[in-house]
Amino acid sequence: MNIGIVLYPTYGGSGVVATELGKGLASRGHNVHFISYARPMRLDEFHENISFHEVTFSAYPLFEYPPYDLALASHLVDIITYQNLDLLHVHYAIPHATSAYLANQILKESGNGIPVITTLHGTDITIVGSDPSYTPVVTFSINKSDGVTAVSDYLRDETCKRFDIKNKIEVIPNFIDLVRFRKSEKSHFKKALCPNGEKVLVHVSNFREVKRVSDTVEIFHKVLQSGIAAHLLLIGDGPDRQKVENKCRELKICGKVRFLGKQEKIEDILSIADLFLIPSGSETFGLAALEAMSCSVPVISSNIGGLPELNIHGETGYLCDLGDTEEMGNFAVSILRDDKLQKKLADNARKRAEVFELSKIVDLYEDYYASVMKG
């Protein structure tokens, strides 16, 4: 098949999932066309079945904000026509599903429309889509898609609760490359960072308020207060970075916390981790947690969104009420003090990750594509 994939190229879950899905499809012989305003971060090597189409748009004095949605629709018309696409898979409801609908309406004038599948990832529904000014457009765009998927049962149910959805939403979870994300030998790296055998805790996010990175710092502070020697590695960047740095200064733990910024080879860092912290206020799936679990790292997370579908309490880590840094800290201490418990949780985390292995999920998408194309 010739498949178009529309995505955001940014450092975050939906862009990573869309890119890795496309790469997985390309490895099976499909021709994949990535479409975005910039090259996706994970699209970092040449593949004969992969093309990238950059959406360009001009700024005119008349427009305070350049109309990206219209530029995207025009590009989609061109790409669908001249690349002979069989199917368009858009990730994120707005504006991608809306632009795809507009492009398809233009193409149907000449009988050249193609099926459109929309994958919902989270904030397009729970945050952006919940803005009343967007609700009618989100509802319309989802209902006009030929197929709709969501990355968790939670997101499917939340979408149906928030919008008047007529379409059936198929749940196809996020996935993991078990070969890339596995615990590898990095003892030299850990020795350099922790010369005295200190424990390593890791957090990965885009440092937005909803990720509650300051809670991560509070949990880590409780670990240090218990007498456990440890370091906290914070991966990513975003608007809350300064707030988190201030929290570290307030707690006087700056020397134990490292801000590593955005990292491409996250699996190398996860390979030296003893514990992964994700106290988020909203996670429709929890891709960062899955990457940690695949590298045999136990997870302590908030008990919200799609996280309970991934992180099994008492088996792969622990779930705690949102904002309960006291309980999260207690669980962290219990894991870090008990090597047997840490090993059991780590082994279970890897086994749980195997349920979401890349090829299994690509199978689901291929089957779903076929069913949508059959009508």
Protein backbone atom coordinates (compact mmCIF):
# COMPACT_ATOMS: atom_id res chain seq x y z
CA MET A 1 0.00 0.00 0.00
CA ASN A 2 0.90 3.64 -0.44
CA ILE A 3 0.19 5.14 2.98
CA GLY A 4 0.28 8.80 3.97
CA ILE A 5 0.98 9.55 7.64
CA VAL A 6 0.25 13.05 8.93
CA LEU A 7 1.88 13.85 12.27
CA TYR A 8 3.42 16.42 14.54
CA PRO A 9 7.22 16.15 14.40
CA THR A 10 7.78 17.28 17.96
CA TYR A 11 9.36 15.54 20.95
CA GLY A 12 6.34 13.73 22.33
CA GLY A 13 4.21 10.62 22.28
CA SER A 14 2.06 11.07 19.19
CA GLY A 15 4.96 12.01 16.94
CA VAL A 16 7.11 9.13 18.19
CA VAL A 17 4.30 6.58 17.76
CA ALA A 18 3.39 7.81 14.27
CA THR A 19 7.02 7.75 13.14
CA GLU A 20 7.78 4.31 14.54
CA LEU A 21 4.55 2.92 13.07
CA GLY A 22 5.50 4.26 9.65
CA LYS A 23 8.97 2.75 9.92
CA GLY A 24 7.43 -0.57 10.91
CA LEU A 25 5.08 -0.47 7.93
CA ALA A 26 7.93 0.44 5.57
CA SER A 27 9.95 -2.54 6.78
CA ARG A 28 7.05 -4.73 5.60
CA GLY A 29 7.18 -3.34 2.08
CA HIS A 30 4.58 -0.59 2.27
CA ASN A 31 5.45 2.82 0.80
CA VAL A 32 5.12 5.37 3.58
CA HIS A 33 4.86 9.13 3.08
CA PHE A 34 5.37 11.22 6.21
CA ILE A 35 3.70 14.64 6.02
CA SER A 36 4.45 17.45 8.47
CA TYR A 37 5.86 20.97 8.81
CA ALA A 38 9.27 19.58 9.87
CA ARG A 39 11.11 16.29 9.71
CA PRO A 40 10.04 14.02 12.62
CA MET A 41 12.69 13.54 15.31
CA ARG A 42 12.70 9.74 15.04
CA LEU A 43 12.97 9.80 11.24
CA ASP A 44 16.74 9.77 11.37
CA GLU A 45 17.85 7.32 8.71
CA PHE A 46 17.27 6.54 5.05
CA HIS A 47 14.81 3.82 4.01
CA GLU A 48 13.92 3.06 0.42
CA ASN A 49 10.19 2.87 1.24
CA ILE A 50 10.00 6.12 3.20
CA SER A 51 9.47 9.64 1.86
CA PHE A 52 9.07 12.90 3.72
CA HIS A 53 6.92 15.80 2.50
CA GLU A 54 7.38 19.13 4.25
CA VAL A 55 4.30 21.34 4.49
CA THR A 56 5.36 24.89 3.75
CA PHE A 57 3.19 27.93 4.19
CA SER A 58 3.68 31.66 3.75
CA ALA A 59 3.01 34.41 6.24
CA TYR A 60 0.90 37.26 4.91
CA PRO A 61 0.30 40.59 6.68
CA LEU A 62 -3.43 39.85 6.55
CA PHE A 63 -3.01 36.78 8.80
CA GLU A 64 -1.96 37.24 12.41
CA TYR A 65 -1.37 33.48 12.48
CA PRO A 66 -0.48 31.57 9.26
CA PRO A 67 -3.30 29.11 8.40
CA TYR A 68 -1.40 25.83 8.70
CA ASP A 69 -4.58 23.74 8.47
CA LEU A 70 -5.36 25.13 5.01
CA ALA A 71 -1.78 24.77 3.82
CA LEU A 72 -1.82 21.15 5.02
CA ALA A 73 -5.09 20.45 3.20
CA SER A 74 -3.64 21.82 -0.05
CA HIS A 75 -0.48 19.73 0.34
CA LEU A 76 -2.58 16.64 1.03
CA VAL A 77 -4.51 17.13 -2.20
CA ASP A 78 -1.24 17.31 -4.11
CA ILE A 79 0.42 14.35 -2.34
CA ILE A 80 -2.63 12.07 -2.55
CA THR A 81 -2.98 12.84 -6.26
CA TYR A 82 0.61 12.58 -7.42
CA GLN A 83 1.88 9.91 -5.02
CA ASN A 84 -1.22 7.74 -5.65
CA LEU A 85 -1.89 7.22 -1.95
CA ASP A 86 -4.26 4.39 -1.04
CA LEU A 87 -4.94 5.55 2.51
CA LEU A 88 -4.29 8.54 4.77
CA HIS A 89 -3.56 7.98 8.46
CA VAL A 90 -3.63 11.18 10.53
CA HIS A 91 -2.36 11.35 14.10
CA TYR A 92 -4.03 13.91 16.34
CA ALA A 93 -7.54 15.15 15.71
CA ILE A 94 -6.88 18.83 15.11
CA PRO A 95 -6.03 20.15 12.71
CA HIS A 96 -4.96 16.92 10.98
CA ALA A 97 -8.33 15.17 10.75
CA THR A 98 -9.99 18.43 9.75
CA SER A 99 -7.42 19.13 7.02
CA ALA A 100 -7.74 15.55 5.77
CA TYR A 101 -11.52 15.90 5.50
CA LEU A 102 -11.19 19.14 3.53
CA ALA A 103 -8.59 17.60 1.20
CA ASN A 104 -10.83 14.59 0.63
CA GLN A 105 -13.82 16.77 -0.20
CA ILE A 106 -11.73 18.56 -2.83
CA LEU A 107 -10.55 15.25 -4.28
CA LYS A 108 -14.03 13.74 -4.33
CA GLU A 109 -15.03 16.40 -6.83
CA SER A 110 -12.94 14.43 -9.32
CA GLY A 111 -13.66 11.01 -7.80
CA ASN A 112 -10.22 10.65 -6.19
CA GLY A 113 -11.00 10.57 -2.48
CA ILE A 114 -9.29 7.98 -0.28
CA PRO A 115 -10.07 6.48 3.15
CA VAL A 116 -8.93 8.54 6.15
CA ILE A 117 -8.08 7.01 9.53
CA THR A 118 -7.72 9.26 12.57
CA THR A 119 -5.73 8.13 15.60
CA LEU A 120 -6.49 9.94 18.86
CA HIS A 121 -3.53 10.27 21.20
CA GLY A 122 -4.68 12.23 24.20
CA THR A 123 -4.34 15.98 24.55
CA ASP A 124 -6.19 16.42 21.26
CA ILE A 125 -9.20 15.14 23.22
CA THR A 126 -8.55 15.82 26.90
CA ILE A 127 -7.11 19.34 26.64
CA VAL A 128 -7.29 20.99 23.20
CA GLY A 129 -10.46 19.23 22.12
CA SER A 130 -12.24 20.10 25.34
CA ASP A 131 -11.98 23.81 24.59
CA PRO A 132 -15.57 24.76 23.63
CA SER A 133 -14.26 26.74 20.66
CA TYR A 134 -12.92 23.50 19.13
CA THR A 135 -15.57 20.99 20.22
CA PRO A 136 -17.80 21.18 17.10
CA VAL A 137 -14.81 20.83 14.76
CA VAL A 138 -13.32 17.91 16.70
CA THR A 139 -16.66 16.10 16.81
CA PHE A 140 -17.29 16.65 13.10
CA SER A 141 -13.77 15.59 12.06
CA ILE A 142 -13.87 12.38 14.09
CA ASN A 143 -17.31 11.44 12.80
CA LYS A 144 -16.30 12.11 9.19
CA SER A 145 -13.21 9.89 9.42
CA ASP A 146 -13.53 6.50 7.74
CA GLY A 147 -11.86 4.87 10.73
CA VAL A 148 -10.94 6.03 14.22
CA THR A 149 -8.50 4.50 16.70
CA ALA A 150 -7.50 5.41 20.24
CA VAL A 151 -4.37 4.34 22.11
CA SER A 152 -6.17 3.11 25.25
CA ASP A 153 -9.57 2.07 26.57
CA TYR A 154 -9.46 5.16 28.77
CA LEU A 155 -9.06 7.49 25.78
CA ARG A 156 -11.83 5.76 23.82
CA ASP A 157 -14.23 6.08 26.75
CA GLU A 158 -13.20 9.66 27.46
CA THR A 159 -13.72 10.63 23.81
CA CYS A 160 -17.23 9.15 23.77
CA LYS A 161 -17.99 10.91 27.06
CA ARG A 162 -16.83 14.33 25.89
CA PHE A 163 -18.13 14.30 22.30
CA ASP A 164 -21.17 13.08 20.40
CA ILE A 165 -19.32 10.33 18.52
CA LYS A 166 -21.18 8.24 15.94
CA ASN A 167 -18.13 6.31 14.72
CA LYS A 168 -16.92 3.16 16.42
CA ILE A 169 -13.50 3.77 18.00
CA GLU A 170 -11.07 0.88 17.76
CA VAL A 171 -8.50 0.61 20.55
CA ILE A 172 -5.00 -0.08 19.22
CA PRO A 173 -2.42 0.56 21.96
CA ASN A 174 0.96 2.18 21.63
CA PHE A 175 3.89 -0.14 21.10
CA ILE A 176 7.57 -0.66 21.77
CA ASP A 177 10.58 -1.86 19.83
CA LEU A 178 11.82 -4.57 22.20
CA VAL A 179 15.16 -4.82 20.39
CA ARG A 180 15.98 -1.15 20.75
CA PHE A 181 14.46 -0.71 24.21
CA ARG A 182 16.11 -3.36 26.33
CA LYS A 183 18.47 -3.26 29.28
CA SER A 184 22.01 -3.19 27.90
CA GLU A 185 25.43 -3.31 29.54
CA LYS A 186 26.23 0.25 30.62
CA SER A 187 28.10 -0.43 33.88
CA HIS A 188 30.90 1.95 32.87
CA PHE A 189 28.34 4.71 32.39
CA LYS A 190 26.70 4.00 35.75
CA LYS A 191 30.07 3.79 37.49
CA ALA A 192 31.04 7.21 36.17
CA LEU A 193 27.75 8.71 37.36
CA CYS A 194 27.52 6.73 40.60
CA PRO A 195 31.05 5.88 41.77
CA ASN A 196 29.78 4.78 45.18
CA GLY A 197 26.93 2.57 43.97
CA GLU A 198 24.20 5.20 44.25
CA LYS A 199 20.71 4.40 42.94
CA VAL A 200 19.44 6.06 39.75
CA LEU A 201 15.90 7.40 39.31
CA VAL A 202 14.73 8.67 35.92
CA HIS A 203 11.89 10.83 34.63
CA VAL A 204 11.14 11.62 30.97
CA SER A 205 8.65 14.23 29.77
CA ASN A 206 8.08 17.47 27.90
CA PHE A 207 8.17 19.43 31.18
CA ARG A 208 4.64 20.74 30.88
CA GLU A 209 2.48 21.46 33.91
CA VAL A 210 0.40 18.31 33.38
CA LYS A 211 3.53 16.15 33.76
CA ARG A 212 4.01 17.37 37.35
CA VAL A 213 7.79 17.21 37.19
CA SER A 214 7.98 19.07 40.50
CA ASP A 215 6.23 16.06 42.07
CA THR A 216 9.06 13.91 40.70
CA VAL A 217 11.56 16.13 42.52
CA GLU A 218 9.55 15.89 45.76
CA ILE A 219 9.47 12.08 45.52
CA PHE A 220 13.21 12.03 44.96
CA HIS A 221 13.71 14.32 47.96
CA LYS A 222 11.86 11.81 50.15
CA VAL A 223 14.21 9.07 48.86
CA LEU A 224 17.21 11.14 49.91
CA GLN A 225 15.63 11.90 53.30
CA SER A 226 15.36 8.15 53.90
CA GLY A 227 19.15 7.91 53.75
CA ILE A 228 19.36 6.23 50.32
CA ALA A 229 22.21 7.60 48.18
CA ALA A 230 20.75 8.37 44.76
CA HIS A 231 20.75 10.56 41.67
CA LEU A 232 17.76 11.82 39.68
CA LEU A 233 18.08 12.14 35.90
CA LEU A 234 15.51 14.41 34.25
CA ILE A 235 15.20 13.90 30.49
CA GLY A 236 13.35 16.38 28.28
CA ASP A 237 12.64 20.08 28.36
CA GLY A 238 9.72 22.46 28.30
CA PRO A 239 7.96 25.40 29.94
CA ASP A 240 8.19 24.05 33.51
CA ARG A 241 11.96 23.66 33.42
CA GLN A 242 12.67 26.80 35.46
CA LYS A 243 9.98 25.91 38.00
CA VAL A 244 11.57 22.49 38.50
CA GLU A 245 15.05 23.97 38.86
CA ASN A 246 13.69 26.33 41.50
CA LYS A 247 12.17 23.39 43.37
CA CYS A 248 15.57 21.65 43.41
CA ARG A 249 17.17 24.80 44.83
CA GLU A 250 14.43 25.15 47.43
CA LEU A 251 15.01 21.56 48.59
CA LYS A 252 18.80 21.99 48.36
CA ILE A 253 19.29 18.90 46.21
CA CYS A 254 20.71 20.45 43.01
CA GLY A 255 23.89 18.39 43.30
CA LYS A 256 21.84 15.18 43.10
CA VAL A 257 19.65 16.16 40.13
CA ARG A 258 20.84 16.30 36.53
CA PHE A 259 18.88 17.99 33.75
CA LEU A 260 19.88 16.09 30.61
CA GLY A 261 17.55 17.87 28.17
CA LYS A 262 16.14 16.12 25.13
CA GLN A 263 17.87 12.83 24.43
CA GLU A 264 17.60 10.60 21.37
CA LYS A 265 19.16 7.47 22.91
CA ILE A 266 16.89 7.30 25.93
CA GLU A 267 17.37 3.54 26.15
CA ASP A 268 21.03 4.03 27.15
CA ILE A 269 19.97 6.09 30.16
CA LEU A 270 17.13 3.75 31.07
CA SER A 271 19.63 0.87 31.08
CA ILE A 272 21.25 2.28 34.23
CA ALA A 273 17.98 3.20 35.97
CA ASP A 274 16.73 1.51 39.12
CA LEU A 275 13.34 3.22 39.11
CA PHE A 276 11.18 5.31 36.74
CA LEU A 277 8.87 8.05 38.05
CA ILE A 278 5.81 9.31 36.15
CA PRO A 279 3.46 11.20 38.51
CA SER A 280 1.53 12.82 35.62
CA GLY A 281 -1.82 14.54 35.90
CA SER A 282 -2.86 13.20 32.50
CA GLU A 283 -1.56 10.21 30.52
CA THR A 284 -3.84 8.57 27.98
CA PHE A 285 -1.34 5.72 27.59
CA GLY A 286 2.10 6.38 29.08
CA LEU A 287 4.63 5.73 26.31
CA ALA A 288 7.54 6.94 28.45
CA ALA A 289 6.59 4.37 31.11
CA LEU A 290 6.43 1.61 28.47
CA GLU A 291 9.93 2.50 27.25
CA ALA A 292 11.21 2.25 30.82
CA MET A 293 9.44 -1.06 31.41
CA SER A 294 10.89 -2.48 28.20
CA CYS A 295 14.33 -1.66 29.64
CA SER A 296 13.43 -3.61 32.81
CA VAL A 297 12.80 -0.59 35.01
CA PRO A 298 10.00 -0.66 37.63
CA VAL A 299 7.55 2.24 37.43
CA ILE A 300 5.88 4.37 40.06
CA SER A 301 3.03 6.32 38.48
CA SER A 302 -0.15 8.18 39.24
CA ASN A 303 -3.32 6.13 39.04
CA ILE A 304 -4.88 8.10 36.19
CA GLY A 305 -5.79 7.81 32.52
CA GLY A 306 -4.33 4.86 30.66
CA LEU A 307 -1.51 4.20 33.14
CA PRO A 308 -3.40 1.48 35.08
CA GLU A 309 -3.80 -0.39 31.77
CA LEU A 310 -0.02 -0.48 31.46
CA ASN A 311 1.56 -0.37 34.92
CA ILE A 312 0.16 -3.21 37.02
CA HIS A 313 0.12 -2.35 40.73
CA GLY A 314 2.38 -4.63 42.74
CA GLU A 315 3.65 -6.43 39.64
CA THR A 316 5.48 -3.94 37.42
CA GLY A 317 5.60 -1.12 39.94
CA TYR A 318 3.06 0.86 41.93
CA LEU A 319 0.09 3.14 41.26
CA CYS A 320 -0.68 6.04 43.60
CA ASP A 321 -3.33 8.74 43.84
CA LEU A 322 -2.56 11.88 41.88
CA GLY A 323 -0.37 14.25 43.86
CA ASP A 324 0.30 11.78 46.69
CA THR A 325 4.06 12.25 46.71
CA GLU A 326 4.21 10.86 50.25
CA GLU A 327 2.98 7.43 49.14
CA MET A 328 5.02 7.53 45.94
CA GLY A 329 8.10 8.32 48.01
CA ASN A 330 7.38 5.44 50.38
CA PHE A 331 7.03 2.99 47.49
CA ALA A 332 10.24 4.32 45.94
CA VAL A 333 12.12 3.75 49.19
CA SER A 334 10.74 0.21 49.55
CA ILE A 335 11.89 -0.70 46.03
CA LEU A 336 15.32 0.87 46.32
CA ARG A 337 16.01 -0.76 49.70
CA ASP A 338 15.01 -4.26 48.58
CA ASP A 339 17.12 -5.71 45.75
CA LYS A 340 14.89 -8.79 45.46
CA LEU A 341 11.76 -6.68 45.09
CA GLN A 342 13.45 -4.38 42.58
CA LYS A 343 14.55 -7.40 40.51
CA LYS A 344 11.09 -8.98 40.58
CA LEU A 345 9.38 -5.78 39.50
CA ALA A 346 12.03 -5.18 36.81
CA ASP A 347 11.57 -8.66 35.33
CA ASN A 348 7.79 -8.29 35.37
CA ALA A 349 8.05 -4.87 33.74
CA ARG A 350 9.93 -6.35 30.78
CA LYS A 351 7.40 -9.18 30.44
CA ARG A 352 4.55 -6.68 30.49
CA ALA A 353 6.26 -4.62 27.78
CA GLU A 354 6.39 -7.69 25.55
CA VAL A 355 2.58 -7.53 25.25
CA PHE A 356 3.04 -4.25 23.33
CA GLU A 357 5.78 -5.47 20.98
CA LEU A 358 5.99 -3.44 17.75
CA SER A 359 5.21 -6.18 15.22
CA LYS A 360 2.09 -7.25 17.13
CA ILE A 361 0.67 -3.74 16.99
CA VAL A 362 1.67 -3.22 13.35
CA ASP A 363 -0.32 -6.41 12.62
CA LEU A 364 -3.35 -4.77 14.24
CA TYR A 365 -2.95 -1.62 12.16
CA GLU A 366 -2.55 -3.57 8.92
CA ASP A 367 -5.73 -5.52 9.67
CA TYR A 368 -7.54 -2.30 10.54
CA TYR A 369 -6.37 -0.61 7.34
CA ALA A 370 -7.69 -3.56 5.33
CA SER A 371 -11.08 -3.49 7.06
CA VAL A 372 -11.48 0.27 6.51
CA MET A 373 -10.51 0.03 2.85
CA LYS A 374 -13.09 -2.72 2.34
CA GLY A 375 -15.69 -0.37 3.76
